[in-house]
């Protein structure tokens, strides 16, 4: 399976099975996307535990800040996908900058 297919499947499974977390200030569930992205990238390249944890923290922080900055009374949707997607480049950027490039 292609790594993006695995990422999509794991995100969907986390959300469907409701095994993700929640955040009141941002009104949603970032773990359904952040954690599968970190695990996907860790499968593709060698990454230390410290870098994995740092990537998770950075991804949550970016996603939470954007989620909390929304004007909830003006939003047409409370879907996590509206703001969680901003945490994913932060996660992948952290991990890709801290580890060697995988061979094709």
PDB file of N, CA and C in Angstrom:
ATOM      1  N   UNK A   1       0.844  -1.174   0.000  1.00  0.00           N
ATOM      2  CA  UNK A   1       0.000   0.000   0.000  1.00  0.00           C
ATOM      3  C   UNK A   1       0.891   1.238   0.000  1.00  0.00           C
ATOM      4  N   UNK A   2       0.514   2.209  -0.772  1.00  0.00           N
ATOM      5  CA  UNK A   2       1.237   3.475  -0.827  1.00  0.00           C
ATOM      6  C   UNK A   2       1.105   4.173   0.533  1.00  0.00           C
ATOM      7  N   UNK A   3       2.152   4.886   0.932  1.00  0.00           N
ATOM      8  CA  UNK A   3       2.147   5.494   2.260  1.00  0.00           C
ATOM      9  C   UNK A   3       1.010   6.499   2.442  1.00  0.00           C
ATOM     10  N   UNK A   4       0.593   7.208   1.409  1.00  0.00           N
ATOM     11  CA  UNK A   4      -0.527   8.149   1.557  1.00  0.00           C
ATOM     12  C   UNK A   4      -1.858   7.411   1.722  1.00  0.00           C
ATOM     13  N   UNK A   5      -1.976   6.248   1.083  1.00  0.00           N
ATOM     14  CA  UNK A   5      -3.168   5.426   1.285  1.00  0.00           C
ATOM     15  C   UNK A   5      -3.246   4.921   2.715  1.00  0.00           C
ATOM     16  N   UNK A   6      -2.095   4.536   3.261  1.00  0.00           N
ATOM     17  CA  UNK A   6      -2.058   4.095   4.659  1.00  0.00           C
ATOM     18  C   UNK A   6      -2.400   5.244   5.597  1.00  0.00           C
ATOM     19  N   UNK A   7      -1.882   6.429   5.310  1.00  0.00           N
ATOM     20  CA  UNK A   7      -2.195   7.601   6.128  1.00  0.00           C
ATOM     21  C   UNK A   7      -3.691   7.880   6.116  1.00  0.00           C
ATOM     22  N   UNK A   8      -4.291   7.912   4.930  1.00  0.00           N
ATOM     23  CA  UNK A   8      -5.725   8.160   4.821  1.00  0.00           C
ATOM     24  C   UNK A   8      -6.527   7.108   5.578  1.00  0.00           C
ATOM     25  N   UNK A   9      -6.163   5.839   5.410  1.00  0.00           N
ATOM     26  CA  UNK A   9      -6.875   4.745   6.084  1.00  0.00           C
ATOM     27  C   UNK A   9      -6.772   4.857   7.600  1.00  0.00           C
ATOM     28  N   UNK A  10      -5.585   5.179   8.103  1.00  0.00           N
ATOM     29  CA  UNK A  10      -5.409   5.292   9.549  1.00  0.00           C
ATOM     30  C   UNK A  10      -6.145   6.504  10.115  1.00  0.00           C
ATOM     31  N   UNK A  11      -6.164   7.597   9.387  1.00  0.00           N
ATOM     32  CA  UNK A  11      -6.924   8.773   9.839  1.00  0.00           C
ATOM     33  C   UNK A  11      -8.418   8.462   9.887  1.00  0.00           C
ATOM     34  N   UNK A  12      -8.913   7.825   8.840  1.00  0.00           N
ATOM     35  CA  UNK A  12     -10.331   7.475   8.781  1.00  0.00           C
ATOM     36  C   UNK A  12     -10.702   6.486   9.878  1.00  0.00           C
ATOM     37  N   UNK A  13      -9.840   5.498  10.114  1.00  0.00           N
ATOM     38  CA  UNK A  13     -10.114   4.509  11.159  1.00  0.00           C
ATOM     39  C   UNK A  13     -10.125   5.143  12.546  1.00  0.00           C
ATOM     40  N   UNK A  14      -9.173   6.028  12.814  1.00  0.00           N
ATOM     41  CA  UNK A  14      -9.134   6.700  14.122  1.00  0.00           C
ATOM     42  C   UNK A  14     -10.401   7.508  14.360  1.00  0.00           C
ATOM     43  N   UNK A  15     -10.862   8.178  13.331  1.00  0.00           N
ATOM     44  CA  UNK A  15     -12.079   8.979  13.463  1.00  0.00           C
ATOM     45  C   UNK A  15     -13.322   8.090  13.576  1.00  0.00           C
ATOM     46  N   UNK A  16     -13.421   7.086  12.710  1.00  0.00           N
ATOM     47  CA  UNK A  16     -14.599   6.212  12.699  1.00  0.00           C
ATOM     48  C   UNK A  16     -14.747   5.421  13.998  1.00  0.00           C
ATOM     49  N   UNK A  17     -13.622   4.972  14.546  1.00  0.00           N
ATOM     50  CA  UNK A  17     -13.660   4.182  15.774  1.00  0.00           C
ATOM     51  C   UNK A  17     -13.658   5.056  17.021  1.00  0.00           C
ATOM     52  N   UNK A  18     -13.579   6.358  16.825  1.00  0.00           N
ATOM     53  CA  UNK A  18     -13.594   7.331  17.911  1.00  0.00           C
ATOM     54  C   UNK A  18     -12.505   7.055  18.944  1.00  0.00           C
ATOM     55  N   UNK A  19     -11.297   6.757  18.449  1.00  0.00           N
ATOM     56  CA  UNK A  19     -10.161   6.528  19.343  1.00  0.00           C
ATOM     57  C   UNK A  19      -9.253   7.756  19.406  1.00  0.00           C
ATOM     58  N   UNK A  20      -9.769   8.853  18.873  1.00  0.00           N
ATOM     59  CA  UNK A  20      -8.977  10.078  18.912  1.00  0.00           C
ATOM     60  C   UNK A  20      -9.326  10.909  20.143  1.00  0.00           C
ATOM     61  N   UNK A  21      -8.601  11.970  20.325  1.00  0.00           N
ATOM     62  CA  UNK A  21      -8.753  12.822  21.493  1.00  0.00           C
ATOM     63  C   UNK A  21      -9.686  13.985  21.189  1.00  0.00           C
ATOM     64  N   UNK A  22      -9.797  14.902  22.122  1.00  0.00           N
ATOM     65  CA  UNK A  22     -10.615  16.082  21.904  1.00  0.00           C
ATOM     66  C   UNK A  22      -9.990  17.298  22.558  1.00  0.00           C
ATOM     67  N   UNK A  23     -10.369  18.454  22.073  1.00  0.00           N
ATOM     68  CA  UNK A  23      -9.871  19.714  22.626  1.00  0.00           C
ATOM     69  C   UNK A  23     -11.028  20.705  22.647  1.00  0.00           C
ATOM     70  N   UNK A  24     -11.376  21.188  23.831  1.00  0.00           N
ATOM     71  CA  UNK A  24     -12.536  22.080  23.955  1.00  0.00           C
ATOM     72  C   UNK A  24     -12.325  23.437  23.305  1.00  0.00           C
ATOM     73  N   UNK A  25     -11.142  24.008  23.476  1.00  0.00           N
ATOM     74  CA  UNK A  25     -10.894  25.330  22.919  1.00  0.00           C
ATOM     75  C   UNK A  25     -10.952  25.363  21.411  1.00  0.00           C
ATOM     76  N   UNK A  26     -10.464  24.330  20.783  1.00  0.00           N
ATOM     77  CA  UNK A  26     -10.471  24.259  19.325  1.00  0.00           C
ATOM     78  C   UNK A  26     -11.698  23.513  18.807  1.00  0.00           C
ATOM     79  N   UNK A  27     -12.431  22.865  19.687  1.00  0.00           N
ATOM     80  CA  UNK A  27     -13.676  22.160  19.367  1.00  0.00           C
ATOM     81  C   UNK A  27     -13.485  21.056  18.329  1.00  0.00           C
ATOM     82  N   UNK A  28     -12.497  20.194  18.563  1.00  0.00           N
ATOM     83  CA  UNK A  28     -12.345  19.075  17.644  1.00  0.00           C
ATOM     84  C   UNK A  28     -11.311  18.065  18.102  1.00  0.00           C
ATOM     85  N   UNK A  29     -10.881  17.192  17.182  1.00  0.00           N
ATOM     86  CA  UNK A  29     -10.074  16.015  17.480  1.00  0.00           C
ATOM     87  C   UNK A  29      -8.809  15.958  16.626  1.00  0.00           C
ATOM     88  N   UNK A  30      -7.724  16.542  17.061  1.00  0.00           N
ATOM     89  CA  UNK A  30      -6.516  16.580  16.234  1.00  0.00           C
ATOM     90  C   UNK A  30      -5.775  15.253  16.113  1.00  0.00           C
ATOM     91  N   UNK A  31      -5.903  14.388  17.092  1.00  0.00           N
ATOM     92  CA  UNK A  31      -5.151  13.140  17.088  1.00  0.00           C
ATOM     93  C   UNK A  31      -5.458  12.230  15.921  1.00  0.00           C
ATOM     94  N   UNK A  32      -6.649  12.338  15.347  1.00  0.00           N
ATOM     95  CA  UNK A  32      -7.027  11.478  14.225  1.00  0.00           C
ATOM     96  C   UNK A  32      -6.187  11.749  12.985  1.00  0.00           C
ATOM     97  N   UNK A  33      -5.565  12.909  12.898  1.00  0.00           N
ATOM     98  CA  UNK A  33      -4.710  13.220  11.751  1.00  0.00           C
ATOM     99  C   UNK A  33      -3.240  13.340  12.137  1.00  0.00           C
ATOM    100  N   UNK A  34      -2.962  13.958  13.274  1.00  0.00           N
ATOM    101  CA  UNK A  34      -1.573  14.225  13.675  1.00  0.00           C
ATOM    102  C   UNK A  34      -0.818  12.919  13.941  1.00  0.00           C
ATOM    103  N   UNK A  35      -1.377  12.045  14.747  1.00  0.00           N
ATOM    104  CA  UNK A  35      -0.681  10.808  15.132  1.00  0.00           C
ATOM    105  C   UNK A  35      -0.439   9.902  13.921  1.00  0.00           C
ATOM    106  N   UNK A  36      -1.440   9.633  13.062  1.00  0.00           N
ATOM    107  CA  UNK A  36      -1.149   8.812  11.880  1.00  0.00           C
ATOM    108  C   UNK A  36      -0.081   9.424  10.966  1.00  0.00           C
ATOM    109  N   UNK A  37      -0.036  10.748  10.860  1.00  0.00           N
ATOM    110  CA  UNK A  37       0.994  11.389  10.025  1.00  0.00           C
ATOM    111  C   UNK A  37       2.387  11.165  10.607  1.00  0.00           C
ATOM    112  N   UNK A  38       2.498  11.275  11.924  1.00  0.00           N
ATOM    113  CA  UNK A  38       3.788  11.037  12.579  1.00  0.00           C
ATOM    114  C   UNK A  38       4.218   9.577  12.384  1.00  0.00           C
ATOM    115  N   UNK A  39       3.309   8.662  12.589  1.00  0.00           N
ATOM    116  CA  UNK A  39       3.641   7.239  12.435  1.00  0.00           C
ATOM    117  C   UNK A  39       3.994   6.902  10.986  1.00  0.00           C
ATOM    118  N   UNK A  40       3.288   7.510  10.030  1.00  0.00           N
ATOM    119  CA  UNK A  40       3.595   7.282   8.624  1.00  0.00           C
ATOM    120  C   UNK A  40       5.024   7.722   8.301  1.00  0.00           C
ATOM    121  N   UNK A  41       5.377   8.901   8.755  1.00  0.00           N
ATOM    122  CA  UNK A  41       6.713   9.414   8.452  1.00  0.00           C
ATOM    123  C   UNK A  41       7.786   8.603   9.178  1.00  0.00           C
ATOM    124  N   UNK A  42       7.494   8.123  10.374  1.00  0.00           N
ATOM    125  CA  UNK A  42       8.452   7.302  11.116  1.00  0.00           C
ATOM    126  C   UNK A  42       8.689   5.958  10.427  1.00  0.00           C
ATOM    127  N   UNK A  43       7.721   5.475   9.684  1.00  0.00           N
ATOM    128  CA  UNK A  43       7.893   4.241   8.913  1.00  0.00           C
ATOM    129  C   UNK A  43       8.766   4.469   7.688  1.00  0.00           C
ATOM    130  N   UNK A  44       8.800   5.673   7.201  1.00  0.00           N
ATOM    131  CA  UNK A  44       9.521   5.990   5.963  1.00  0.00           C
ATOM    132  C   UNK A  44      10.987   6.328   6.182  1.00  0.00           C
ATOM    133  N   UNK A  45      11.349   6.760   7.377  1.00  0.00           N
ATOM    134  CA  UNK A  45      12.731   7.209   7.618  1.00  0.00           C
ATOM    135  C   UNK A  45      13.072   7.006   9.094  1.00  0.00           C
ATOM    136  N   UNK A  46      14.334   6.861   9.424  1.00  0.00           N
ATOM    137  CA  UNK A  46      14.710   6.721  10.838  1.00  0.00           C
ATOM    138  C   UNK A  46      14.481   8.035  11.591  1.00  0.00           C
ATOM    139  N   UNK A  47      13.763   7.932  12.688  1.00  0.00           N
ATOM    140  CA  UNK A  47      13.434   9.110  13.496  1.00  0.00           C
ATOM    141  C   UNK A  47      13.583   8.726  14.965  1.00  0.00           C
ATOM    142  N   UNK A  48      14.177   9.602  15.746  1.00  0.00           N
ATOM    143  CA  UNK A  48      14.341   9.326  17.175  1.00  0.00           C
ATOM    144  C   UNK A  48      13.017   9.531  17.923  1.00  0.00           C
ATOM    145  N   UNK A  49      12.925   8.954  19.095  1.00  0.00           N
ATOM    146  CA  UNK A  49      11.742   9.148  19.933  1.00  0.00           C
ATOM    147  C   UNK A  49      11.535  10.622  20.278  1.00  0.00           C
ATOM    148  N   UNK A  50      12.651  11.303  20.537  1.00  0.00           N
ATOM    149  CA  UNK A  50      12.568  12.719  20.881  1.00  0.00           C
ATOM    150  C   UNK A  50      11.995  13.529  19.727  1.00  0.00           C
ATOM    151  N   UNK A  51      12.414  13.201  18.502  1.00  0.00           N
ATOM    152  CA  UNK A  51      11.892  13.914  17.334  1.00  0.00           C
ATOM    153  C   UNK A  51      10.426  13.566  17.081  1.00  0.00           C
ATOM    154  N   UNK A  52      10.051  12.311  17.340  1.00  0.00           N
ATOM    155  CA  UNK A  52       8.635  11.938  17.203  1.00  0.00           C
ATOM    156  C   UNK A  52       7.770  12.745  18.160  1.00  0.00           C
ATOM    157  N   UNK A  53       8.183  12.801  19.406  1.00  0.00           N
ATOM    158  CA  UNK A  53       7.420  13.550  20.405  1.00  0.00           C
ATOM    159  C   UNK A  53       7.393  15.037  20.069  1.00  0.00           C
ATOM    160  N   UNK A  54       8.514  15.590  19.656  1.00  0.00           N
ATOM    161  CA  UNK A  54       8.567  17.007  19.279  1.00  0.00           C
ATOM    162  C   UNK A  54       7.628  17.288  18.112  1.00  0.00           C
ATOM    163  N   UNK A  55       7.584  16.390  17.121  1.00  0.00           N
ATOM    164  CA  UNK A  55       6.700  16.576  15.967  1.00  0.00           C
ATOM    165  C   UNK A  55       5.234  16.552  16.389  1.00  0.00           C
ATOM    166  N   UNK A  56       4.879  15.641  17.291  1.00  0.00           N
ATOM    167  CA  UNK A  56       3.498  15.577  17.782  1.00  0.00           C
ATOM    168  C   UNK A  56       3.136  16.874  18.497  1.00  0.00           C
ATOM    169  N   UNK A  57       4.020  17.340  19.359  1.00  0.00           N
ATOM    170  CA  UNK A  57       3.760  18.580  20.108  1.00  0.00           C
ATOM    171  C   UNK A  57       3.608  19.763  19.153  1.00  0.00           C
ATOM    172  N   UNK A  58       4.499  19.866  18.183  1.00  0.00           N
ATOM    173  CA  UNK A  58       4.436  20.968  17.222  1.00  0.00           C
ATOM    174  C   UNK A  58       3.149  20.895  16.401  1.00  0.00           C
ATOM    175  N   UNK A  59       2.797  19.706  15.944  1.00  0.00           N
ATOM    176  CA  UNK A  59       1.566  19.547  15.160  1.00  0.00           C
ATOM    177  C   UNK A  59       0.332  19.932  15.948  1.00  0.00           C
ATOM    178  N   UNK A  60       0.252  19.477  17.190  1.00  0.00           N
ATOM    179  CA  UNK A  60      -0.881  19.841  18.042  1.00  0.00           C
ATOM    180  C   UNK A  60      -0.906  21.348  18.288  1.00  0.00           C
ATOM    181  N   UNK A  61       0.243  21.921  18.583  1.00  0.00           N
ATOM    182  CA  UNK A  61       0.308  23.347  18.893  1.00  0.00           C
ATOM    183  C   UNK A  61      -0.175  24.190  17.712  1.00  0.00           C
ATOM    184  N   UNK A  62       0.309  23.900  16.526  1.00  0.00           N
ATOM    185  CA  UNK A  62      -0.111  24.655  15.340  1.00  0.00           C
ATOM    186  C   UNK A  62      -1.610  24.464  15.105  1.00  0.00           C
ATOM    187  N   UNK A  63      -2.078  23.226  15.138  1.00  0.00           N
ATOM    188  CA  UNK A  63      -3.494  22.953  14.896  1.00  0.00           C
ATOM    189  C   UNK A  63      -4.382  23.612  15.959  1.00  0.00           C
ATOM    190  N   UNK A  64      -4.001  23.510  17.228  1.00  0.00           N
ATOM    191  CA  UNK A  64      -4.801  24.116  18.295  1.00  0.00           C
ATOM    192  C   UNK A  64      -4.885  25.623  18.156  1.00  0.00           C
ATOM    193  N   UNK A  65      -3.766  26.253  17.878  1.00  0.00           N
ATOM    194  CA  UNK A  65      -3.774  27.725  17.779  1.00  0.00           C
ATOM    195  C   UNK A  65      -4.680  28.195  16.643  1.00  0.00           C
ATOM    196  N   UNK A  66      -4.643  27.512  15.525  1.00  0.00           N
ATOM    197  CA  UNK A  66      -5.523  27.889  14.419  1.00  0.00           C
ATOM    198  C   UNK A  66      -6.966  27.550  14.758  1.00  0.00           C
ATOM    199  N   UNK A  67      -7.193  26.389  15.355  1.00  0.00           N
ATOM    200  CA  UNK A  67      -8.548  26.010  15.751  1.00  0.00           C
ATOM    201  C   UNK A  67      -9.149  26.963  16.765  1.00  0.00           C
ATOM    202  N   UNK A  68      -8.358  27.385  17.726  1.00  0.00           N
ATOM    203  CA  UNK A  68      -8.858  28.308  18.744  1.00  0.00           C
ATOM    204  C   UNK A  68      -9.063  29.723  18.203  1.00  0.00           C
ATOM    205  N   UNK A  69      -8.396  30.062  17.122  1.00  0.00           N
ATOM    206  CA  UNK A  69      -8.518  31.407  16.557  1.00  0.00           C
ATOM    207  C   UNK A  69      -9.800  31.584  15.732  1.00  0.00           C
ATOM    208  N   UNK A  70     -10.471  30.479  15.431  1.00  0.00           N
ATOM    209  CA  UNK A  70     -11.714  30.576  14.653  1.00  0.00           C
ATOM    210  C   UNK A  70     -12.775  31.304  15.460  1.00  0.00           C
ATOM    211  N   UNK A  71     -13.680  31.897  14.771  1.00  0.00           N
ATOM    212  CA  UNK A  71     -14.852  32.507  15.412  1.00  0.00           C
ATOM    213  C   UNK A  71     -15.968  31.478  15.333  1.00  0.00           C
ATOM    214  N   UNK A  72     -16.149  30.742  16.406  1.00  0.00           N
ATOM    215  CA  UNK A  72     -17.078  29.604  16.376  1.00  0.00           C
ATOM    216  C   UNK A  72     -18.498  30.014  16.008  1.00  0.00           C
ATOM    217  N   UNK A  73     -18.921  31.193  16.413  1.00  0.00           N
ATOM    218  CA  UNK A  73     -20.281  31.618  16.096  1.00  0.00           C
ATOM    219  C   UNK A  73     -20.470  31.941  14.618  1.00  0.00           C
ATOM    220  N   UNK A  74     -19.369  32.089  13.857  1.00  0.00           N
ATOM    221  CA  UNK A  74     -19.456  32.395  12.427  1.00  0.00           C
ATOM    222  C   UNK A  74     -19.149  31.188  11.547  1.00  0.00           C
ATOM    223  N   UNK A  75     -18.617  30.135  12.105  1.00  0.00           N
ATOM    224  CA  UNK A  75     -18.252  28.962  11.305  1.00  0.00           C
ATOM    225  C   UNK A  75     -19.488  28.234  10.808  1.00  0.00           C
ATOM    226  N   UNK A  76     -19.386  27.728   9.588  1.00  0.00           N
ATOM    227  CA  UNK A  76     -20.486  26.948   9.037  1.00  0.00           C
ATOM    228  C   UNK A  76     -20.315  25.463   9.343  1.00  0.00           C
ATOM    229  N   UNK A  77     -19.126  25.099   9.826  1.00  0.00           N
ATOM    230  CA  UNK A  77     -18.853  23.701  10.131  1.00  0.00           C
ATOM    231  C   UNK A  77     -17.893  23.613  11.311  1.00  0.00           C
ATOM    232  N   UNK A  78     -18.052  22.575  12.089  1.00  0.00           N
ATOM    233  CA  UNK A  78     -17.139  22.322  13.194  1.00  0.00           C
ATOM    234  C   UNK A  78     -16.185  21.171  12.869  1.00  0.00           C
ATOM    235  N   UNK A  79     -16.135  20.776  11.616  1.00  0.00           N
ATOM    236  CA  UNK A  79     -15.309  19.644  11.205  1.00  0.00           C
ATOM    237  C   UNK A  79     -13.826  19.896  11.489  1.00  0.00           C
ATOM    238  N   UNK A  80     -13.160  18.888  12.020  1.00  0.00           N
ATOM    239  CA  UNK A  80     -11.736  18.991  12.341  1.00  0.00           C
ATOM    240  C   UNK A  80     -10.879  19.289  11.128  1.00  0.00           C
ATOM    241  N   UNK A  81     -11.276  18.779   9.983  1.00  0.00           N
ATOM    242  CA  UNK A  81     -10.473  18.936   8.787  1.00  0.00           C
ATOM    243  C   UNK A  81     -10.250  20.367   8.360  1.00  0.00           C
ATOM    244  N   UNK A  82     -11.062  21.263   8.848  1.00  0.00           N
ATOM    245  CA  UNK A  82     -10.917  22.665   8.485  1.00  0.00           C
ATOM    246  C   UNK A  82      -9.634  23.249   9.059  1.00  0.00           C
ATOM    247  N   UNK A  83      -9.225  22.806  10.226  1.00  0.00           N
ATOM    248  CA  UNK A  83      -8.048  23.410  10.864  1.00  0.00           C
ATOM    249  C   UNK A  83      -6.947  22.421  11.196  1.00  0.00           C
ATOM    250  N   UNK A  84      -7.242  21.158  11.324  1.00  0.00           N
ATOM    251  CA  UNK A  84      -6.201  20.183  11.659  1.00  0.00           C
ATOM    252  C   UNK A  84      -5.166  20.079  10.546  1.00  0.00           C
ATOM    253  N   UNK A  85      -5.603  20.289   9.318  1.00  0.00           N
ATOM    254  CA  UNK A  85      -4.678  20.162   8.186  1.00  0.00           C
ATOM    255  C   UNK A  85      -3.486  21.105   8.310  1.00  0.00           C
ATOM    256  N   UNK A  86      -3.588  22.174   9.076  1.00  0.00           N
ATOM    257  CA  UNK A  86      -2.452  23.078   9.257  1.00  0.00           C
ATOM    258  C   UNK A  86      -1.376  22.480  10.165  1.00  0.00           C
ATOM    259  N   UNK A  87      -1.734  21.537  10.988  1.00  0.00           N
ATOM    260  CA  UNK A  87      -0.757  20.891  11.848  1.00  0.00           C
ATOM    261  C   UNK A  87       0.098  19.863  11.118  1.00  0.00           C
ATOM    262  N   UNK A  88      -0.423  19.321  10.019  1.00  0.00           N
ATOM    263  CA  UNK A  88       0.294  18.260   9.305  1.00  0.00           C
ATOM    264  C   UNK A  88       1.582  18.740   8.643  1.00  0.00           C
ATOM    265  N   UNK A  89       1.618  19.883   7.963  1.00  0.00           N
ATOM    266  CA  UNK A  89       2.906  20.343   7.427  1.00  0.00           C
ATOM    267  C   UNK A  89       3.928  20.609   8.529  1.00  0.00           C
ATOM    268  N   UNK A  90       3.463  21.051   9.679  1.00  0.00           N
ATOM    269  CA  UNK A  90       4.378  21.277  10.805  1.00  0.00           C
ATOM    270  C   UNK A  90       4.990  19.958  11.269  1.00  0.00           C
ATOM    271  N   UNK A  91       4.163  18.925  11.354  1.00  0.00           N
ATOM    272  CA  UNK A  91       4.627  17.586  11.745  1.00  0.00           C
ATOM    273  C   UNK A  91       5.650  17.065  10.740  1.00  0.00           C
ATOM    274  N   UNK A  92       5.281  17.067   9.481  1.00  0.00           N
ATOM    275  CA  UNK A  92       6.148  16.495   8.455  1.00  0.00           C
ATOM    276  C   UNK A  92       7.406  17.333   8.257  1.00  0.00           C
ATOM    277  N   UNK A  93       7.271  18.641   8.355  1.00  0.00           N
ATOM    278  CA  UNK A  93       8.442  19.497   8.241  1.00  0.00           C
ATOM    279  C   UNK A  93       9.443  19.240   9.342  1.00  0.00           C
ATOM    280  N   UNK A  94       8.949  19.058  10.550  1.00  0.00           N
ATOM    281  CA  UNK A  94       9.840  18.764  11.677  1.00  0.00           C
ATOM    282  C   UNK A  94      10.564  17.440  11.451  1.00  0.00           C
ATOM    283  N   UNK A  95       9.839  16.410  11.080  1.00  0.00           N
ATOM    284  CA  UNK A  95      10.453  15.094  10.917  1.00  0.00           C
ATOM    285  C   UNK A  95      11.361  15.026   9.705  1.00  0.00           C
ATOM    286  N   UNK A  96      10.992  15.642   8.628  1.00  0.00           N
ATOM    287  CA  UNK A  96      11.814  15.583   7.428  1.00  0.00           C
ATOM    288  C   UNK A  96      13.087  16.417   7.572  1.00  0.00           C
ATOM    289  N   UNK A  97      13.015  17.469   8.338  1.00  0.00           N
ATOM    290  CA  UNK A  97      14.210  18.300   8.555  1.00  0.00           C
ATOM    291  C   UNK A  97      15.190  17.652   9.522  1.00  0.00           C
ATOM    292  N   UNK A  98      14.724  16.722  10.338  1.00  0.00           N
ATOM    293  CA  UNK A  98      15.546  16.124  11.378  1.00  0.00           C
ATOM    294  C   UNK A  98      16.044  14.729  11.044  1.00  0.00           C
ATOM    295  N   UNK A  99      15.781  14.223   9.856  1.00  0.00           N
ATOM    296  CA  UNK A  99      16.195  12.863   9.535  1.00  0.00           C
ATOM    297  C   UNK A  99      16.697  12.792   8.086  1.00  0.00           C
ATOM    298  N   UNK A 100      17.507  11.777   7.788  1.00  0.00           N
ATOM    299  CA  UNK A 100      18.020  11.634   6.424  1.00  0.00           C
ATOM    300  C   UNK A 100      16.896  11.322   5.432  1.00  0.00           C
ATOM    301  N   UNK A 101      17.098  11.710   4.196  1.00  0.00           N
ATOM    302  CA  UNK A 101      16.116  11.446   3.146  1.00  0.00           C
ATOM    303  C   UNK A 101      16.106   9.952   2.834  1.00  0.00           C
ATOM    304  N   UNK A 102      14.903   9.350   2.766  1.00  0.00           N
ATOM    305  CA  UNK A 102      14.838   7.922   2.459  1.00  0.00           C
ATOM    306  C   UNK A 102      15.237   7.660   1.016  1.00  0.00           C
ATOM    307  N   UNK A 103      15.799   6.508   0.784  1.00  0.00           N
ATOM    308  CA  UNK A 103      16.126   6.151  -0.591  1.00  0.00           C
ATOM    309  C   UNK A 103      14.848   5.744  -1.312  1.00  0.00           C
ATOM    310  N   UNK A 104      14.747   6.038  -2.618  1.00  0.00           N
ATOM    311  CA  UNK A 104      13.509   5.728  -3.365  1.00  0.00           C
ATOM    312  C   UNK A 104      13.232   4.254  -3.493  1.00  0.00           C
TER     313      UNK A 104
END
